Amino acid sequence: MSTTLCIPRIDSKITKERIFSIFRTLNWGYIENIRESNLIKENDHKRLVIKIRFNKESMNIMMRINQGETIKIVYDDPWYMRVCKFIPL
């Protein structure tokens, strides 16, 4: 079962490949797709939507996200991103 995640705001210099690498290191599951969105009105930031199939070891993360919790992921200390459940507009 796939879950769609959202990184609501991240520096536009961070590539999809970098995000893929970060999530691969987390070992949460299989990443099906990463989409960039420029809905943010700031030129130096973007929004990312990630479709992922969580593995059994990370089901607690999936449950927390599905319950509305936001997860903070540190990728280059002190830089971090917030990950939440994607809710379409």
Protein backbone atom coordinates (compact mmCIF):
# COMPACT_ATOMS: atom_id res chain seq x y z
CA MET A 1 0.00 0.00 0.00
CA SER A 2 1.39 3.37 -1.02
CA THR A 3 1.32 6.54 1.02
CA THR A 4 1.78 10.02 -0.39
CA LEU A 5 4.01 12.32 1.64
CA CYS A 6 4.61 16.03 1.36
CA ILE A 7 7.64 18.16 2.11
CA PRO A 8 5.78 21.49 2.20
CA ARG A 9 8.82 23.74 1.93
CA ILE A 10 12.44 23.00 1.06
CA ASP A 11 15.27 24.94 -0.54
CA SER A 12 14.95 24.88 -4.32
CA LYS A 13 18.62 23.91 -4.63
CA ILE A 14 17.90 20.47 -3.11
CA THR A 15 17.44 18.08 -6.04
CA LYS A 16 15.04 15.17 -6.34
CA GLU A 17 18.10 12.91 -6.48
CA ARG A 18 19.28 14.26 -3.11
CA ILE A 19 15.83 13.66 -1.58
CA PHE A 20 15.85 10.13 -3.01
CA SER A 21 19.27 9.54 -1.44
CA ILE A 22 18.09 10.83 1.95
CA PHE A 23 14.99 8.60 1.94
CA ARG A 24 17.03 5.64 0.78
CA THR A 25 19.34 6.13 3.77
CA LEU A 26 16.28 6.18 6.06
CA ASN A 27 15.23 2.81 4.62
CA TRP A 28 11.52 3.53 5.04
CA GLY A 29 10.54 1.57 1.93
CA TYR A 30 10.28 1.79 -1.85
CA ILE A 31 10.00 5.27 -3.34
CA GLU A 32 7.65 5.13 -6.31
CA ASN A 33 7.74 8.78 -7.35
CA ILE A 34 9.03 12.23 -6.36
CA ARG A 35 7.32 15.28 -7.86
CA GLU A 36 8.34 18.91 -7.51
CA SER A 37 5.75 21.64 -7.21
CA ASN A 38 6.32 25.36 -7.49
CA LEU A 39 3.09 26.31 -5.72
CA ILE A 40 5.11 28.25 -3.17
CA LYS A 41 5.33 31.94 -4.04
CA GLU A 42 8.99 32.13 -3.00
CA ASN A 43 11.64 31.66 -5.70
CA ASP A 44 14.13 30.00 -3.39
CA HIS A 45 11.81 27.23 -2.10
CA LYS A 46 9.68 24.45 -3.53
CA ARG A 47 7.27 21.74 -2.41
CA LEU A 48 7.87 18.02 -2.95
CA VAL A 49 5.34 15.21 -3.12
CA ILE A 50 6.68 11.70 -2.53
CA LYS A 51 4.83 8.46 -3.17
CA ILE A 52 6.29 5.67 -1.04
CA ARG A 53 5.50 2.06 -0.16
CA PHE A 54 6.55 1.65 3.46
CA ASN A 55 8.29 -1.56 4.49
CA LYS A 56 7.31 -3.56 7.59
CA GLU A 57 10.13 -2.09 9.68
CA SER A 58 8.82 1.45 9.22
CA MET A 59 5.09 0.89 9.72
CA ASN A 60 5.19 2.95 12.92
CA ILE A 61 6.40 5.96 10.87
CA MET A 62 3.57 5.42 8.38
CA MET A 63 1.00 5.23 11.18
CA ARG A 64 2.32 8.43 12.79
CA ILE A 65 2.16 10.28 9.46
CA ASN A 66 -1.34 8.94 8.68
CA GLN A 67 -2.49 10.19 12.10
CA GLY A 68 -1.46 13.71 11.09
CA GLU A 69 1.95 13.90 12.75
CA THR A 70 4.77 15.81 11.07
CA ILE A 71 8.16 14.09 11.04
CA LYS A 72 11.35 16.13 11.14
CA ILE A 73 14.28 14.69 9.15
CA VAL A 74 17.75 16.18 9.63
CA TYR A 75 19.67 15.82 6.36
CA ASP A 76 22.67 18.19 6.80
CA ASP A 77 22.92 19.18 10.44
CA PRO A 78 21.46 21.70 11.28
CA TRP A 79 19.34 21.63 8.07
CA TYR A 80 16.16 19.61 8.22
CA MET A 81 12.91 19.04 6.38
CA ARG A 82 9.44 18.40 7.65
CA VAL A 83 7.50 15.48 6.19
CA CYS A 84 3.73 15.12 6.53
CA LYS A 85 0.85 13.37 4.82
CA PHE A 86 -0.05 14.86 1.45
CA ILE A 87 -3.55 16.28 1.38
CA PRO A 88 -4.61 17.36 -2.15
CA LEU A 89 -6.13 20.81 -2.52
